[in-house]
N, C-alpha and C. Protein backbone atom coordinates (compact mmCIF):
# COMPACT_ATOMS: atom_id res chain seq x y z
N UNK A 1 -9.31 -7.82 16.44
CA UNK A 1 -8.32 -8.81 16.10
C UNK A 1 -7.31 -8.90 17.23
N UNK A 2 -6.91 -10.09 17.57
CA UNK A 2 -5.92 -10.30 18.61
C UNK A 2 -4.57 -10.61 17.97
N UNK A 3 -3.51 -9.97 18.52
CA UNK A 3 -2.15 -10.17 18.05
C UNK A 3 -1.30 -10.57 19.24
N UNK A 4 -0.61 -11.69 19.12
CA UNK A 4 0.29 -12.12 20.19
C UNK A 4 1.53 -11.25 20.22
N UNK A 5 1.94 -10.85 21.42
CA UNK A 5 3.14 -10.02 21.57
C UNK A 5 3.99 -10.58 22.69
N UNK A 6 5.29 -10.62 22.46
CA UNK A 6 6.23 -11.14 23.47
C UNK A 6 7.26 -10.07 23.76
N UNK A 7 7.44 -9.79 25.05
CA UNK A 7 8.53 -8.90 25.46
C UNK A 7 9.82 -9.70 25.42
N UNK A 8 10.83 -9.14 24.81
CA UNK A 8 12.14 -9.76 24.77
C UNK A 8 12.97 -9.25 25.95
N UNK A 9 14.05 -9.93 26.30
CA UNK A 9 14.83 -9.52 27.47
C UNK A 9 15.24 -8.04 27.46
N UNK A 10 15.58 -7.49 26.28
CA UNK A 10 16.02 -6.10 26.22
C UNK A 10 14.86 -5.10 26.37
N UNK A 11 13.61 -5.60 26.37
CA UNK A 11 12.46 -4.71 26.54
C UNK A 11 11.58 -5.09 27.71
N UNK A 12 12.08 -5.96 28.57
CA UNK A 12 11.26 -6.51 29.66
C UNK A 12 10.67 -5.44 30.57
N UNK A 13 11.38 -4.35 30.81
CA UNK A 13 10.90 -3.32 31.72
C UNK A 13 10.14 -2.19 31.02
N UNK A 14 10.03 -2.25 29.70
CA UNK A 14 9.34 -1.20 28.95
C UNK A 14 7.86 -1.53 28.80
N UNK A 15 7.01 -0.50 28.71
CA UNK A 15 5.59 -0.77 28.46
C UNK A 15 5.39 -1.39 27.07
N UNK A 16 4.32 -2.13 26.93
CA UNK A 16 3.97 -2.67 25.60
C UNK A 16 3.58 -1.51 24.68
N UNK A 17 3.73 -1.71 23.37
CA UNK A 17 3.26 -0.67 22.45
C UNK A 17 1.79 -0.37 22.74
N UNK A 18 1.41 0.88 22.55
CA UNK A 18 0.03 1.26 22.85
C UNK A 18 -0.42 2.36 21.89
N UNK A 19 -1.72 2.49 21.77
CA UNK A 19 -2.32 3.57 20.98
C UNK A 19 -2.39 4.80 21.88
N UNK A 20 -1.87 5.94 21.42
CA UNK A 20 -1.83 7.16 22.24
C UNK A 20 -3.22 7.73 22.49
N UNK A 21 -4.12 7.57 21.52
CA UNK A 21 -5.48 8.09 21.67
C UNK A 21 -6.46 7.07 21.11
N UNK A 22 -7.75 7.19 21.42
CA UNK A 22 -8.74 6.26 20.87
C UNK A 22 -8.80 6.28 19.34
N UNK A 23 -8.40 7.39 18.71
CA UNK A 23 -8.42 7.48 17.25
C UNK A 23 -7.11 7.15 16.57
N UNK A 24 -6.11 6.74 17.33
CA UNK A 24 -4.79 6.44 16.74
C UNK A 24 -4.84 5.19 15.88
N UNK A 25 -4.20 5.25 14.72
CA UNK A 25 -4.07 4.08 13.85
C UNK A 25 -2.81 3.29 14.18
N UNK A 26 -1.80 3.98 14.70
CA UNK A 26 -0.52 3.35 14.98
C UNK A 26 -0.24 3.19 16.46
N UNK A 27 0.42 2.09 16.78
CA UNK A 27 0.89 1.81 18.13
C UNK A 27 2.29 2.40 18.27
N UNK A 28 2.56 3.11 19.35
CA UNK A 28 3.89 3.68 19.55
C UNK A 28 4.90 2.58 19.84
N UNK A 29 6.03 2.62 19.13
CA UNK A 29 7.14 1.70 19.36
C UNK A 29 8.23 2.45 20.12
N UNK A 30 8.81 1.77 21.11
CA UNK A 30 9.80 2.38 21.98
C UNK A 30 11.19 1.81 21.72
N UNK A 31 12.20 2.64 21.93
CA UNK A 31 13.59 2.19 21.78
C UNK A 31 13.96 1.31 22.96
N UNK A 32 14.44 0.11 22.67
CA UNK A 32 14.87 -0.84 23.71
C UNK A 32 16.38 -0.96 23.67
N UNK A 33 17.05 0.15 23.93
CA UNK A 33 18.50 0.19 23.90
C UNK A 33 19.02 0.46 25.31
N UNK A 34 20.14 -0.16 25.64
CA UNK A 34 20.71 0.04 26.97
C UNK A 34 21.66 1.23 27.02
N UNK A 35 22.07 1.70 25.86
CA UNK A 35 22.98 2.85 25.80
C UNK A 35 22.35 3.94 24.95
N UNK A 36 22.73 5.17 25.20
CA UNK A 36 22.26 6.27 24.37
C UNK A 36 22.89 6.12 22.99
N UNK A 37 22.05 6.22 21.97
CA UNK A 37 22.52 6.10 20.59
C UNK A 37 22.57 7.49 19.99
N UNK A 38 23.70 7.81 19.37
CA UNK A 38 23.84 9.08 18.66
C UNK A 38 23.71 8.79 17.17
N UNK A 39 22.60 9.22 16.59
CA UNK A 39 22.36 9.03 15.17
C UNK A 39 22.86 10.30 14.46
N UNK A 40 24.00 10.16 13.81
CA UNK A 40 24.65 11.31 13.18
C UNK A 40 23.93 11.71 11.89
N UNK A 41 24.10 12.95 11.45
CA UNK A 41 23.48 13.38 10.20
C UNK A 41 23.83 12.43 9.05
N UNK A 42 22.81 12.01 8.32
CA UNK A 42 22.99 11.10 7.20
C UNK A 42 23.10 9.64 7.59
N UNK A 43 23.23 9.35 8.88
CA UNK A 43 23.40 7.97 9.33
C UNK A 43 22.06 7.25 9.42
N UNK A 44 22.10 5.94 9.33
CA UNK A 44 20.92 5.11 9.48
C UNK A 44 21.27 3.95 10.41
N UNK A 45 20.26 3.46 11.13
CA UNK A 45 20.49 2.39 12.10
C UNK A 45 19.19 1.67 12.40
N UNK A 46 19.28 0.35 12.61
CA UNK A 46 18.12 -0.44 13.03
C UNK A 46 18.05 -0.37 14.56
N UNK A 47 16.99 0.25 15.06
CA UNK A 47 16.83 0.45 16.50
C UNK A 47 15.90 -0.64 17.04
N UNK A 48 16.36 -1.41 18.03
CA UNK A 48 15.53 -2.48 18.59
C UNK A 48 14.36 -1.93 19.40
N UNK A 49 13.25 -2.68 19.40
CA UNK A 49 12.06 -2.28 20.16
C UNK A 49 11.78 -3.21 21.34
N UNK A 50 12.49 -4.33 21.44
CA UNK A 50 12.30 -5.22 22.58
C UNK A 50 11.05 -6.07 22.53
N UNK A 51 10.43 -6.17 21.34
CA UNK A 51 9.21 -6.99 21.21
C UNK A 51 9.28 -7.85 19.95
N UNK A 52 8.53 -8.92 19.97
CA UNK A 52 8.27 -9.76 18.80
C UNK A 52 6.76 -10.01 18.80
N UNK A 53 6.19 -10.19 17.60
CA UNK A 53 4.74 -10.39 17.51
C UNK A 53 4.41 -11.61 16.67
N UNK A 54 3.19 -12.09 16.86
CA UNK A 54 2.65 -13.19 16.04
C UNK A 54 1.34 -12.71 15.45
N UNK A 55 1.39 -12.46 14.15
CA UNK A 55 0.23 -11.94 13.43
C UNK A 55 -0.57 -13.07 12.81
N UNK A 56 -1.89 -12.92 12.71
CA UNK A 56 -2.69 -13.90 12.00
C UNK A 56 -2.36 -13.89 10.51
N UNK A 57 -2.57 -15.00 9.83
CA UNK A 57 -2.40 -15.07 8.39
C UNK A 57 -3.31 -14.02 7.73
N UNK A 58 -2.79 -13.31 6.74
CA UNK A 58 -3.57 -12.28 6.08
C UNK A 58 -3.47 -10.92 6.74
N UNK A 59 -2.56 -10.80 7.72
CA UNK A 59 -2.36 -9.55 8.44
C UNK A 59 -0.88 -9.21 8.41
N UNK A 60 -0.57 -7.93 8.25
CA UNK A 60 0.81 -7.46 8.31
C UNK A 60 0.90 -6.35 9.34
N UNK A 61 2.11 -6.06 9.78
CA UNK A 61 2.37 -4.88 10.59
C UNK A 61 3.27 -3.98 9.77
N UNK A 62 3.01 -2.68 9.81
CA UNK A 62 3.81 -1.71 9.08
C UNK A 62 4.50 -0.80 10.09
N UNK A 63 5.82 -0.69 10.00
CA UNK A 63 6.57 0.23 10.84
C UNK A 63 6.69 1.53 10.07
N UNK A 64 6.20 2.61 10.68
CA UNK A 64 6.12 3.91 10.01
C UNK A 64 6.78 4.98 10.86
N UNK A 65 7.13 6.10 10.21
CA UNK A 65 7.72 7.21 10.97
C UNK A 65 6.70 7.87 11.89
N UNK A 66 7.21 8.60 12.86
CA UNK A 66 6.38 9.47 13.71
C UNK A 66 6.49 10.87 13.12
N UNK A 67 5.36 11.51 12.91
CA UNK A 67 5.36 12.81 12.23
C UNK A 67 6.14 13.86 13.00
N UNK A 68 6.08 13.84 14.32
CA UNK A 68 6.80 14.82 15.13
C UNK A 68 8.31 14.68 14.99
N UNK A 69 8.80 13.45 14.96
CA UNK A 69 10.24 13.23 14.77
C UNK A 69 10.66 13.69 13.38
N UNK A 70 9.83 13.44 12.39
CA UNK A 70 10.17 13.84 11.03
C UNK A 70 10.21 15.36 10.89
N UNK A 71 9.17 16.03 11.35
CA UNK A 71 9.08 17.48 11.20
C UNK A 71 10.09 18.22 12.09
N UNK A 72 10.16 17.83 13.34
CA UNK A 72 10.97 18.58 14.30
C UNK A 72 12.45 18.21 14.34
N UNK A 73 12.78 16.98 13.89
CA UNK A 73 14.17 16.52 14.02
C UNK A 73 14.74 15.91 12.74
N UNK A 74 13.95 15.77 11.68
CA UNK A 74 14.45 15.17 10.44
C UNK A 74 14.69 13.68 10.54
N UNK A 75 14.04 13.01 11.50
CA UNK A 75 14.22 11.57 11.72
C UNK A 75 13.03 10.84 11.12
N UNK A 76 13.30 9.85 10.27
CA UNK A 76 12.23 9.09 9.65
C UNK A 76 12.66 7.64 9.51
N UNK A 77 11.72 6.79 9.13
CA UNK A 77 12.02 5.39 8.85
C UNK A 77 12.46 5.28 7.40
N UNK A 78 13.57 4.64 7.19
CA UNK A 78 14.17 4.58 5.86
C UNK A 78 13.34 3.78 4.88
N UNK A 79 12.75 2.72 5.29
CA UNK A 79 11.97 1.87 4.38
C UNK A 79 10.48 1.97 4.67
N UNK A 80 10.01 3.18 4.86
CA UNK A 80 8.62 3.38 5.28
C UNK A 80 7.62 3.08 4.18
N UNK A 81 6.59 2.29 4.43
CA UNK A 81 6.50 1.52 5.67
C UNK A 81 7.30 0.23 5.57
N UNK A 82 7.90 -0.14 6.67
CA UNK A 82 8.59 -1.42 6.75
C UNK A 82 7.56 -2.49 7.05
N UNK A 83 7.53 -3.54 6.26
CA UNK A 83 6.53 -4.59 6.41
C UNK A 83 7.03 -5.72 7.30
N UNK A 84 6.19 -6.11 8.26
CA UNK A 84 6.44 -7.28 9.09
C UNK A 84 5.41 -8.33 8.67
N UNK A 85 5.90 -9.42 8.12
CA UNK A 85 5.02 -10.49 7.63
C UNK A 85 4.50 -11.33 8.77
N UNK A 86 3.39 -12.03 8.52
CA UNK A 86 2.74 -12.82 9.57
C UNK A 86 3.59 -14.00 10.05
N UNK A 87 4.56 -14.42 9.25
CA UNK A 87 5.38 -15.56 9.67
C UNK A 87 6.72 -15.14 10.29
N UNK A 88 6.95 -13.84 10.49
CA UNK A 88 8.19 -13.36 11.13
C UNK A 88 8.02 -13.40 12.64
N UNK A 89 9.00 -13.94 13.33
CA UNK A 89 8.93 -14.06 14.78
C UNK A 89 10.10 -13.37 15.49
N UNK A 90 10.94 -12.67 14.75
CA UNK A 90 12.08 -12.00 15.36
C UNK A 90 11.72 -10.65 15.95
N UNK A 91 12.73 -10.00 16.51
CA UNK A 91 12.52 -8.68 17.12
C UNK A 91 12.17 -7.64 16.07
N UNK A 92 11.20 -6.82 16.39
CA UNK A 92 10.84 -5.71 15.52
C UNK A 92 11.85 -4.60 15.74
N UNK A 93 12.37 -4.08 14.64
CA UNK A 93 13.32 -2.97 14.70
C UNK A 93 12.82 -1.88 13.75
N UNK A 94 13.14 -0.65 14.09
CA UNK A 94 12.80 0.49 13.23
C UNK A 94 14.10 0.98 12.60
N UNK A 95 14.14 1.00 11.26
CA UNK A 95 15.32 1.51 10.56
C UNK A 95 15.17 3.02 10.45
N UNK A 96 15.91 3.74 11.29
CA UNK A 96 15.82 5.19 11.33
C UNK A 96 16.97 5.82 10.56
N UNK A 97 16.68 6.98 9.96
CA UNK A 97 17.71 7.77 9.28
C UNK A 97 17.57 9.21 9.74
N UNK A 98 18.71 9.86 9.86
CA UNK A 98 18.77 11.25 10.31
C UNK A 98 18.99 12.14 9.08
N UNK A 99 17.94 12.85 8.68
CA UNK A 99 18.04 13.77 7.54
C UNK A 99 18.39 15.19 7.98
N UNK A 100 18.64 15.40 9.25
CA UNK A 100 18.97 16.75 9.73
C UNK A 100 20.47 16.98 9.65
N UNK A 101 20.90 18.14 10.10
CA UNK A 101 22.33 18.45 10.11
C UNK A 101 22.91 18.41 11.52
N UNK A 102 22.15 17.82 12.47
CA UNK A 102 22.63 17.69 13.84
C UNK A 102 22.46 16.25 14.33
N UNK A 103 23.26 15.88 15.30
CA UNK A 103 23.16 14.55 15.90
C UNK A 103 21.83 14.44 16.64
N UNK A 104 21.17 13.28 16.50
CA UNK A 104 19.93 13.02 17.22
C UNK A 104 20.20 11.90 18.22
N UNK A 105 19.85 12.14 19.48
CA UNK A 105 20.11 11.16 20.53
C UNK A 105 18.86 10.33 20.81
N UNK A 106 19.04 9.01 20.77
CA UNK A 106 17.95 8.07 21.05
C UNK A 106 18.23 7.44 22.40
N UNK A 107 17.25 7.54 23.30
CA UNK A 107 17.41 7.00 24.64
C UNK A 107 16.38 5.90 24.90
N UNK A 108 16.66 5.11 25.89
CA UNK A 108 15.78 3.99 26.26
C UNK A 108 14.36 4.49 26.54
N UNK A 109 13.39 3.81 25.92
CA UNK A 109 11.99 4.13 26.15
C UNK A 109 11.45 5.26 25.29
N UNK A 110 12.29 5.88 24.47
CA UNK A 110 11.85 6.96 23.59
C UNK A 110 10.93 6.40 22.50
N UNK A 111 9.87 7.14 22.18
CA UNK A 111 8.99 6.77 21.06
C UNK A 111 9.75 7.04 19.77
N UNK A 112 10.02 5.96 19.00
CA UNK A 112 10.86 6.10 17.81
C UNK A 112 10.12 5.87 16.50
N UNK A 113 9.00 5.19 16.55
CA UNK A 113 8.26 4.87 15.33
C UNK A 113 6.85 4.46 15.74
N UNK A 114 6.03 4.17 14.76
CA UNK A 114 4.71 3.64 15.06
C UNK A 114 4.47 2.40 14.21
N UNK A 115 3.60 1.54 14.70
CA UNK A 115 3.30 0.28 14.02
C UNK A 115 1.80 0.21 13.75
N UNK A 116 1.46 0.04 12.48
CA UNK A 116 0.06 -0.09 12.06
C UNK A 116 -0.19 -1.54 11.69
N UNK A 117 -1.24 -2.11 12.24
CA UNK A 117 -1.64 -3.49 11.93
C UNK A 117 -2.72 -3.42 10.87
N UNK A 118 -2.53 -4.15 9.75
CA UNK A 118 -3.47 -4.06 8.63
C UNK A 118 -3.67 -5.41 7.95
N UNK A 119 -4.89 -5.63 7.52
CA UNK A 119 -5.18 -6.83 6.72
C UNK A 119 -4.64 -6.62 5.30
N UNK A 120 -4.31 -7.71 4.65
CA UNK A 120 -3.86 -7.64 3.26
C UNK A 120 -4.31 -8.90 2.52
N UNK A 121 -4.20 -8.87 1.24
CA UNK A 121 -4.51 -10.04 0.42
C UNK A 121 -3.28 -10.43 -0.39
N UNK A 122 -3.18 -11.70 -0.72
CA UNK A 122 -2.17 -12.15 -1.67
C UNK A 122 -2.88 -12.32 -3.00
N UNK A 123 -2.32 -11.69 -4.02
CA UNK A 123 -2.93 -11.73 -5.34
C UNK A 123 -2.52 -12.98 -6.09
N UNK A 124 -3.41 -13.44 -6.93
CA UNK A 124 -3.09 -14.50 -7.88
C UNK A 124 -2.73 -13.81 -9.18
N UNK A 125 -1.47 -13.90 -9.59
CA UNK A 125 -1.04 -13.25 -10.81
C UNK A 125 -1.40 -14.11 -12.01
N UNK A 126 -2.03 -13.49 -12.99
CA UNK A 126 -2.45 -14.18 -14.20
C UNK A 126 -1.79 -13.47 -15.39
N UNK A 127 -0.91 -14.17 -16.08
CA UNK A 127 -0.23 -13.56 -17.22
C UNK A 127 -1.22 -13.35 -18.36
N UNK A 128 -1.20 -12.13 -18.94
CA UNK A 128 -2.09 -11.77 -20.04
C UNK A 128 -1.27 -11.20 -21.19
N UNK A 129 -1.86 -11.18 -22.36
CA UNK A 129 -1.19 -10.63 -23.55
C UNK A 129 -1.25 -9.11 -23.58
N UNK A 130 -2.27 -8.52 -23.01
CA UNK A 130 -2.42 -7.07 -23.04
C UNK A 130 -3.22 -6.60 -21.83
N UNK A 131 -3.20 -5.29 -21.60
CA UNK A 131 -3.93 -4.69 -20.50
C UNK A 131 -5.01 -3.78 -21.05
N UNK A 132 -6.08 -3.58 -20.29
CA UNK A 132 -7.16 -2.71 -20.74
C UNK A 132 -6.68 -1.26 -20.78
N UNK A 133 -7.34 -0.45 -21.59
CA UNK A 133 -7.01 0.97 -21.70
C UNK A 133 -7.52 1.70 -20.46
N UNK A 134 -6.85 2.81 -20.11
CA UNK A 134 -7.30 3.66 -19.01
C UNK A 134 -6.99 5.11 -19.37
N UNK A 135 -7.59 6.06 -18.65
CA UNK A 135 -7.35 7.47 -18.93
C UNK A 135 -5.88 7.83 -18.71
N UNK A 136 -5.25 7.24 -17.77
CA UNK A 136 -3.84 7.55 -17.48
C UNK A 136 -2.89 6.80 -18.39
N UNK A 137 -3.25 5.58 -18.75
CA UNK A 137 -2.38 4.78 -19.61
C UNK A 137 -1.06 4.47 -18.93
N UNK A 138 0.04 4.64 -19.64
CA UNK A 138 1.37 4.32 -19.11
C UNK A 138 2.05 5.53 -18.49
N UNK A 139 1.30 6.63 -18.29
CA UNK A 139 1.89 7.83 -17.69
C UNK A 139 2.41 7.51 -16.30
N UNK A 140 3.67 7.85 -16.06
CA UNK A 140 4.30 7.51 -14.79
C UNK A 140 4.45 8.69 -13.87
N UNK A 141 5.58 8.75 -13.24
CA UNK A 141 5.87 9.74 -12.20
C UNK A 141 5.55 11.15 -12.66
N UNK A 142 4.63 11.79 -11.95
CA UNK A 142 4.28 13.18 -12.24
C UNK A 142 3.38 13.38 -13.44
N UNK A 143 2.91 12.31 -14.03
CA UNK A 143 2.14 12.44 -15.28
C UNK A 143 0.76 13.08 -15.10
N UNK A 144 0.27 13.13 -13.86
CA UNK A 144 -1.03 13.76 -13.65
C UNK A 144 -0.90 15.23 -13.24
N UNK A 145 0.36 15.73 -13.23
CA UNK A 145 0.58 17.15 -12.97
C UNK A 145 0.66 17.49 -11.50
N UNK A 146 0.92 18.79 -11.24
CA UNK A 146 1.06 19.27 -9.87
C UNK A 146 -0.17 20.07 -9.41
N UNK A 147 -0.95 20.57 -10.34
CA UNK A 147 -2.07 21.43 -10.00
C UNK A 147 -3.39 20.78 -10.38
N UNK A 148 -4.44 21.17 -9.68
CA UNK A 148 -5.79 20.70 -9.99
C UNK A 148 -6.24 21.42 -11.26
N UNK A 149 -6.76 20.66 -12.20
CA UNK A 149 -7.25 21.26 -13.45
C UNK A 149 -8.73 21.54 -13.33
N UNK A 150 -9.13 22.74 -13.77
CA UNK A 150 -10.53 23.14 -13.69
C UNK A 150 -11.31 22.61 -14.86
């Protein structure tokens, strides 16, 4: 699948997002900031990436956290995954939050998030009077337990 990508002025000198390995699902997104950003503990901020994309109809992009930032620094994407719709043409930004107890510094060109491109469908909702029975039924959060049952 081909996806149109445009470098914006604030990202003109940065490399395009890329897959780190042949098996990578996500493209690395880079910070396109001109100043060092200090993300304080508990703070959240939309970090610019310096790119805009044009997705085909039926395709979305998901902005997701980087596992290394999450584990090693407590930095994650607040609305993970953040959905980019096929008709959005603005700059992609990663909404980062600092869950650690120390300031995290974001510098130009730093890998801040990853973007996964995925196909999706739009459902046709049909109102019904009732739903079919299932083994789970209306059991919600945690209803299937924490342990595997033998």
